[in-house]
Amino acid sequence: GIVLLLLEILFVPGMVLGQDVACVGLGIALAAFVPWLYWKLSGDLPAARLLTLVTPTWLMHSAYGMSEPAFLVAQLWALLEAQRGRASRAAIASAVALTVRPNAVFVWLAVAYLFVRRAGGVRASIKPLSWLCGTAAAAVVAVLAANLHFFGDALKQLHSYEGLPNVGSVATALKRIPGPTGHFGIP
């Protein structure tokens, strides 16, 4: 029932419209949730409106079909659920953010801090912290397993970013220029 419906929602648009169009559409749809999540998190409706109207750069970049909207939605969702004291939902949302980008570890730490602060100390927050650590570990293992299965390299993303800049032909062209080998001239 519901699993089949979710699979159809996730995969049919890609099969019908093409993966590029489906990814862009999903990015725009997720980006539409950001102002609402920000409003729910901060309680500041004018700021949420301004987030969309005054500085829509993040929204524009969301139309590229990359991971920014999913990452931002997962982070805001994790913080909102932690603020509301919903440990399991916050843990799942931060794990989703971790599957999108590894720098979500900073939101994970913020969620852990909110758990400890809400409970009044580390000992009192063992159960929510266990949820948080368990879901994060499961997310990391799932990403490593998927990378190993699909790419034959568990650390595919890490290896993709070994050298800076990491944009293929630009990196090749820059190798021919004498000078520092680092980024922005910093070795």
C-alpha atoms as a PDB file:
ATOM      1  CA  GLY A   1       0.000   0.000   0.000  1.00  0.00           C
ATOM      2  CA  ILE A   2       1.860   3.041   1.329  1.00  0.00           C
ATOM      3  CA  VAL A   3       5.326   1.743   0.383  1.00  0.00           C
ATOM      4  CA  LEU A   4       4.240   1.185  -3.210  1.00  0.00           C
ATOM      5  CA  LEU A   5       2.710   4.665  -3.319  1.00  0.00           C
ATOM      6  CA  LEU A   6       5.940   6.208  -2.017  1.00  0.00           C
ATOM      7  CA  LEU A   7       7.997   4.285  -4.569  1.00  0.00           C
ATOM      8  CA  GLU A   8       5.709   5.476  -7.352  1.00  0.00           C
ATOM      9  CA  ILE A   9       5.961   9.084  -6.151  1.00  0.00           C
ATOM     10  CA  LEU A  10       9.756   8.807  -6.065  1.00  0.00           C
ATOM     11  CA  PHE A  11      10.420   6.904  -9.283  1.00  0.00           C
ATOM     12  CA  VAL A  12       7.554   7.487 -11.712  1.00  0.00           C
ATOM     13  CA  PRO A  13       8.312  11.202 -12.294  1.00  0.00           C
ATOM     14  CA  GLY A  14      11.865  10.255 -13.241  1.00  0.00           C
ATOM     15  CA  MET A  15      10.638   7.583 -15.644  1.00  0.00           C
ATOM     16  CA  VAL A  16       7.935   9.791 -17.193  1.00  0.00           C
ATOM     17  CA  LEU A  17       9.623  13.199 -17.241  1.00  0.00           C
ATOM     18  CA  GLY A  18      13.258  12.146 -17.167  1.00  0.00           C
ATOM     19  CA  GLN A  19      15.566  12.203 -14.168  1.00  0.00           C
ATOM     20  CA  ASP A  20      16.840  15.739 -14.785  1.00  0.00           C
ATOM     21  CA  VAL A  21      13.366  17.288 -14.833  1.00  0.00           C
ATOM     22  CA  ALA A  22      12.224  15.193 -11.866  1.00  0.00           C
ATOM     23  CA  CYS A  23      15.283  16.219  -9.814  1.00  0.00           C
ATOM     24  CA  VAL A  24      14.739  19.892 -10.571  1.00  0.00           C
ATOM     25  CA  GLY A  25      11.052  19.582  -9.680  1.00  0.00           C
ATOM     26  CA  LEU A  26      11.850  17.794  -6.433  1.00  0.00           C
ATOM     27  CA  GLY A  27      14.435  20.457  -5.602  1.00  0.00           C
ATOM     28  CA  ILE A  28      11.924  23.247  -6.145  1.00  0.00           C
ATOM     29  CA  ALA A  29       9.264  21.400  -4.132  1.00  0.00           C
ATOM     30  CA  LEU A  30      11.649  20.873  -1.219  1.00  0.00           C
ATOM     31  CA  ALA A  31      12.843  24.479  -1.420  1.00  0.00           C
ATOM     32  CA  ALA A  32       9.232  25.602  -1.041  1.00  0.00           C
ATOM     33  CA  PHE A  33       9.195  24.011   2.427  1.00  0.00           C
ATOM     34  CA  VAL A  34      12.180  26.018   3.679  1.00  0.00           C
ATOM     35  CA  PRO A  35      10.379  29.296   4.520  1.00  0.00           C
ATOM     36  CA  TRP A  36       7.583  27.365   6.244  1.00  0.00           C
ATOM     37  CA  LEU A  37      10.066  25.319   8.314  1.00  0.00           C
ATOM     38  CA  TYR A  38      12.007  28.470   9.160  1.00  0.00           C
ATOM     39  CA  TRP A  39       8.777  30.137  10.296  1.00  0.00           C
ATOM     40  CA  LYS A  40       7.857  27.140  12.452  1.00  0.00           C
ATOM     41  CA  LEU A  41      11.364  27.023  13.927  1.00  0.00           C
ATOM     42  CA  SER A  42      11.772  30.739  14.611  1.00  0.00           C
ATOM     43  CA  GLY A  43       8.166  31.910  14.901  1.00  0.00           C
ATOM     44  CA  ASP A  44       9.123  34.901  12.769  1.00  0.00           C
ATOM     45  CA  LEU A  45       6.710  35.090   9.823  1.00  0.00           C
ATOM     46  CA  PRO A  46       8.109  38.357   8.368  1.00  0.00           C
ATOM     47  CA  ALA A  47      11.619  36.857   8.326  1.00  0.00           C
ATOM     48  CA  ALA A  48      10.302  33.698   6.654  1.00  0.00           C
ATOM     49  CA  ARG A  49       8.664  35.824   3.974  1.00  0.00           C
ATOM     50  CA  LEU A  50      11.837  37.841   3.521  1.00  0.00           C
ATOM     51  CA  LEU A  51      13.819  34.612   3.208  1.00  0.00           C
ATOM     52  CA  THR A  52      11.861  33.917   0.046  1.00  0.00           C
ATOM     53  CA  LEU A  53      11.429  37.411  -1.361  1.00  0.00           C
ATOM     54  CA  VAL A  54      14.610  39.331  -0.525  1.00  0.00           C
ATOM     55  CA  THR A  55      17.368  36.740  -0.682  1.00  0.00           C
ATOM     56  CA  PRO A  56      16.120  34.014  -3.037  1.00  0.00           C
ATOM     57  CA  THR A  57      19.637  32.907  -4.017  1.00  0.00           C
ATOM     58  CA  TRP A  58      19.205  29.622  -2.153  1.00  0.00           C
ATOM     59  CA  LEU A  59      15.887  29.157  -3.946  1.00  0.00           C
ATOM     60  CA  MET A  60      17.456  29.843  -7.335  1.00  0.00           C
ATOM     61  CA  HIS A  61      20.242  27.353  -6.631  1.00  0.00           C
ATOM     62  CA  SER A  62      17.609  24.818  -5.611  1.00  0.00           C
ATOM     63  CA  ALA A  63      16.461  24.733  -9.217  1.00  0.00           C
ATOM     64  CA  TYR A  64      19.765  23.122 -10.248  1.00  0.00           C
ATOM     65  CA  GLY A  65      18.538  19.716  -9.090  1.00  0.00           C
ATOM     66  CA  MET A  66      21.337  19.329  -6.601  1.00  0.00           C
ATOM     67  CA  SER A  67      21.210  18.477  -2.904  1.00  0.00           C
ATOM     68  CA  GLU A  68      20.838  21.953  -1.359  1.00  0.00           C
ATOM     69  CA  PRO A  69      17.046  21.927  -0.865  1.00  0.00           C
ATOM     70  CA  ALA A  70      16.974  18.405   0.596  1.00  0.00           C
ATOM     71  CA  PHE A  71      19.878  19.255   2.877  1.00  0.00           C
ATOM     72  CA  LEU A  72      18.316  22.494   4.101  1.00  0.00           C
ATOM     73  CA  VAL A  73      14.893  20.916   4.658  1.00  0.00           C
ATOM     74  CA  ALA A  74      16.410  18.016   6.625  1.00  0.00           C
ATOM     75  CA  GLN A  75      18.476  20.363   8.798  1.00  0.00           C
ATOM     76  CA  LEU A  76      15.579  22.697   9.606  1.00  0.00           C
ATOM     77  CA  TRP A  77      13.291  19.721  10.222  1.00  0.00           C
ATOM     78  CA  ALA A  78      15.850  18.212  12.641  1.00  0.00           C
ATOM     79  CA  LEU A  79      16.177  21.469  14.579  1.00  0.00           C
ATOM     80  CA  LEU A  80      12.406  21.994  14.678  1.00  0.00           C
ATOM     81  CA  GLU A  81      11.756  18.491  16.003  1.00  0.00           C
ATOM     82  CA  ALA A  82      14.551  18.794  18.580  1.00  0.00           C
ATOM     83  CA  GLN A  83      13.139  22.121  19.725  1.00  0.00           C
ATOM     84  CA  ARG A  84       9.722  20.495  20.124  1.00  0.00           C
ATOM     85  CA  GLY A  85      11.247  17.633  22.135  1.00  0.00           C
ATOM     86  CA  ARG A  86      10.533  14.931  19.553  1.00  0.00           C
ATOM     87  CA  ALA A  87      13.728  12.924  19.841  1.00  0.00           C
ATOM     88  CA  SER A  88      13.019  10.152  17.343  1.00  0.00           C
ATOM     89  CA  ARG A  89      11.886  12.552  14.608  1.00  0.00           C
ATOM     90  CA  ALA A  90      14.836  14.865  15.222  1.00  0.00           C
ATOM     91  CA  ALA A  91      17.207  11.906  15.077  1.00  0.00           C
ATOM     92  CA  ILE A  92      15.693  10.675  11.803  1.00  0.00           C
ATOM     93  CA  ALA A  93      15.799  14.153  10.249  1.00  0.00           C
ATOM     94  CA  SER A  94      19.434  14.673  11.235  1.00  0.00           C
ATOM     95  CA  ALA A  95      20.259  11.211   9.846  1.00  0.00           C
ATOM     96  CA  VAL A  96      18.594  12.206   6.562  1.00  0.00           C
ATOM     97  CA  ALA A  97      20.726  15.360   6.518  1.00  0.00           C
ATOM     98  CA  LEU A  98      23.821  13.211   7.136  1.00  0.00           C
ATOM     99  CA  THR A  99      22.986  11.045   4.134  1.00  0.00           C
ATOM    100  CA  VAL A 100      22.820  14.166   1.964  1.00  0.00           C
ATOM    101  CA  ARG A 101      25.997  15.863   3.166  1.00  0.00           C
ATOM    102  CA  PRO A 102      28.575  14.927   5.804  1.00  0.00           C
ATOM    103  CA  ASN A 103      28.794  18.496   7.135  1.00  0.00           C
ATOM    104  CA  ALA A 104      25.337  17.882   8.625  1.00  0.00           C
ATOM    105  CA  VAL A 105      27.367  16.681  11.592  1.00  0.00           C
ATOM    106  CA  PHE A 106      27.154  20.288  12.807  1.00  0.00           C
ATOM    107  CA  VAL A 107      23.348  20.166  12.895  1.00  0.00           C
ATOM    108  CA  TRP A 108      23.651  16.752  14.527  1.00  0.00           C
ATOM    109  CA  LEU A 109      25.761  18.373  17.266  1.00  0.00           C
ATOM    110  CA  ALA A 110      23.201  21.172  17.662  1.00  0.00           C
ATOM    111  CA  VAL A 111      20.431  18.593  18.035  1.00  0.00           C
ATOM    112  CA  ALA A 112      22.500  16.722  20.636  1.00  0.00           C
ATOM    113  CA  TYR A 113      23.021  19.996  22.502  1.00  0.00           C
ATOM    114  CA  LEU A 114      19.262  20.696  22.443  1.00  0.00           C
ATOM    115  CA  PHE A 115      18.574  17.211  23.799  1.00  0.00           C
ATOM    116  CA  VAL A 116      21.041  17.665  26.672  1.00  0.00           C
ATOM    117  CA  ARG A 117      19.798  21.172  27.448  1.00  0.00           C
ATOM    118  CA  ARG A 118      16.136  20.127  27.390  1.00  0.00           C
ATOM    119  CA  ALA A 119      16.787  17.116  29.661  1.00  0.00           C
ATOM    120  CA  GLY A 120      18.963  19.058  32.103  1.00  0.00           C
ATOM    121  CA  GLY A 121      22.169  17.119  31.573  1.00  0.00           C
ATOM    122  CA  VAL A 122      23.848  14.273  29.745  1.00  0.00           C
ATOM    123  CA  ARG A 123      22.629  11.524  32.080  1.00  0.00           C
ATOM    124  CA  ALA A 124      19.032  12.627  31.741  1.00  0.00           C
ATOM    125  CA  SER A 125      19.297  12.684  27.943  1.00  0.00           C
ATOM    126  CA  ILE A 126      20.655   9.162  27.388  1.00  0.00           C
ATOM    127  CA  LYS A 127      17.548   7.907  25.533  1.00  0.00           C
ATOM    128  CA  PRO A 128      17.337  10.752  22.970  1.00  0.00           C
ATOM    129  CA  LEU A 129      21.116  10.740  22.538  1.00  0.00           C
ATOM    130  CA  SER A 130      20.970   6.985  21.905  1.00  0.00           C
ATOM    131  CA  TRP A 131      18.347   7.597  19.198  1.00  0.00           C
ATOM    132  CA  LEU A 132      20.525  10.304  17.708  1.00  0.00           C
ATOM    133  CA  CYS A 133      23.699   8.191  17.681  1.00  0.00           C
ATOM    134  CA  GLY A 134      21.918   5.079  16.432  1.00  0.00           C
ATOM    135  CA  THR A 135      20.221   6.787  13.509  1.00  0.00           C
ATOM    136  CA  ALA A 136      23.395   8.647  12.572  1.00  0.00           C
ATOM    137  CA  ALA A 137      25.346   5.383  12.569  1.00  0.00           C
ATOM    138  CA  ALA A 138      22.662   3.691  10.476  1.00  0.00           C
ATOM    139  CA  ALA A 139      22.699   6.602   8.001  1.00  0.00           C
ATOM    140  CA  VAL A 140      26.468   6.476   7.619  1.00  0.00           C
ATOM    141  CA  VAL A 141      26.450   2.685   7.163  1.00  0.00           C
ATOM    142  CA  ALA A 142      23.635   2.986   4.584  1.00  0.00           C
ATOM    143  CA  VAL A 143      25.569   5.579   2.566  1.00  0.00           C
ATOM    144  CA  LEU A 144      28.781   3.541   2.699  1.00  0.00           C
ATOM    145  CA  ALA A 145      26.925   0.373   1.669  1.00  0.00           C
ATOM    146  CA  ALA A 146      25.122   2.141  -1.184  1.00  0.00           C
ATOM    147  CA  ASN A 147      28.400   3.632  -2.416  1.00  0.00           C
ATOM    148  CA  LEU A 148      30.085   0.248  -2.281  1.00  0.00           C
ATOM    149  CA  HIS A 149      27.201  -1.391  -4.119  1.00  0.00           C
ATOM    150  CA  PHE A 150      26.721   1.225  -6.850  1.00  0.00           C
ATOM    151  CA  PHE A 151      30.255   2.579  -7.298  1.00  0.00           C
ATOM    152  CA  GLY A 152      32.505  -0.158  -5.916  1.00  0.00           C
ATOM    153  CA  ASP A 153      34.009   2.416  -3.513  1.00  0.00           C
ATOM    154  CA  ALA A 154      32.504   3.021  -0.077  1.00  0.00           C
ATOM    155  CA  LEU A 155      34.186   6.436   0.098  1.00  0.00           C
ATOM    156  CA  LYS A 156      33.251   7.553  -3.426  1.00  0.00           C
ATOM    157  CA  GLN A 157      32.385  11.134  -2.498  1.00  0.00           C
ATOM    158  CA  LEU A 158      35.524  11.568  -0.436  1.00  0.00           C
ATOM    159  CA  HIS A 159      37.663  10.318  -3.306  1.00  0.00           C
ATOM    160  CA  SER A 160      35.813  12.604  -5.727  1.00  0.00           C
ATOM    161  CA  TYR A 161      36.899  15.636  -3.715  1.00  0.00           C
ATOM    162  CA  GLU A 162      40.530  14.654  -3.104  1.00  0.00           C
ATOM    163  CA  GLY A 163      42.030  17.477  -5.120  1.00  0.00           C
ATOM    164  CA  LEU A 164      41.014  21.106  -5.416  1.00  0.00           C
ATOM    165  CA  PRO A 165      39.654  22.251  -7.677  1.00  0.00           C
ATOM    166  CA  ASN A 166      37.781  19.059  -8.412  1.00  0.00           C
ATOM    167  CA  VAL A 167      36.026  19.954 -11.622  1.00  0.00           C
ATOM    168  CA  GLY A 168      37.752  17.689 -14.136  1.00  0.00           C
ATOM    169  CA  SER A 169      38.911  19.749 -17.125  1.00  0.00           C
ATOM    170  CA  VAL A 170      39.591  22.809 -14.951  1.00  0.00           C
ATOM    171  CA  ALA A 171      41.786  20.711 -12.664  1.00  0.00           C
ATOM    172  CA  THR A 172      43.641  19.301 -15.662  1.00  0.00           C
ATOM    173  CA  ALA A 173      44.201  22.784 -17.125  1.00  0.00           C
ATOM    174  CA  LEU A 174      45.403  24.177 -13.795  1.00  0.00           C
ATOM    175  CA  LYS A 175      47.946  21.368 -13.399  1.00  0.00           C
ATOM    176  CA  ARG A 176      49.804  22.820 -16.402  1.00  0.00           C
ATOM    177  CA  ILE A 177      50.164  26.245 -14.735  1.00  0.00           C
ATOM    178  CA  PRO A 178      53.258  26.571 -12.551  1.00  0.00           C
ATOM    179  CA  GLY A 179      52.680  27.816  -9.017  1.00  0.00           C
ATOM    180  CA  PRO A 180      51.076  26.731  -5.794  1.00  0.00           C
ATOM    181  CA  THR A 181      49.088  23.515  -5.902  1.00  0.00           C
ATOM    182  CA  GLY A 182      46.507  24.580  -3.333  1.00  0.00           C
ATOM    183  CA  HIS A 183      43.220  26.397  -3.587  1.00  0.00           C
ATOM    184  CA  PHE A 184      43.268  30.190  -4.072  1.00  0.00           C
ATOM    185  CA  GLY A 185      47.072  30.064  -4.106  1.00  0.00           C
ATOM    186  CA  ILE A 186      47.294  28.531  -0.629  1.00  0.00           C
ATOM    187  CA  PRO A 187      49.350  25.332  -0.666  1.00  0.00           C
END
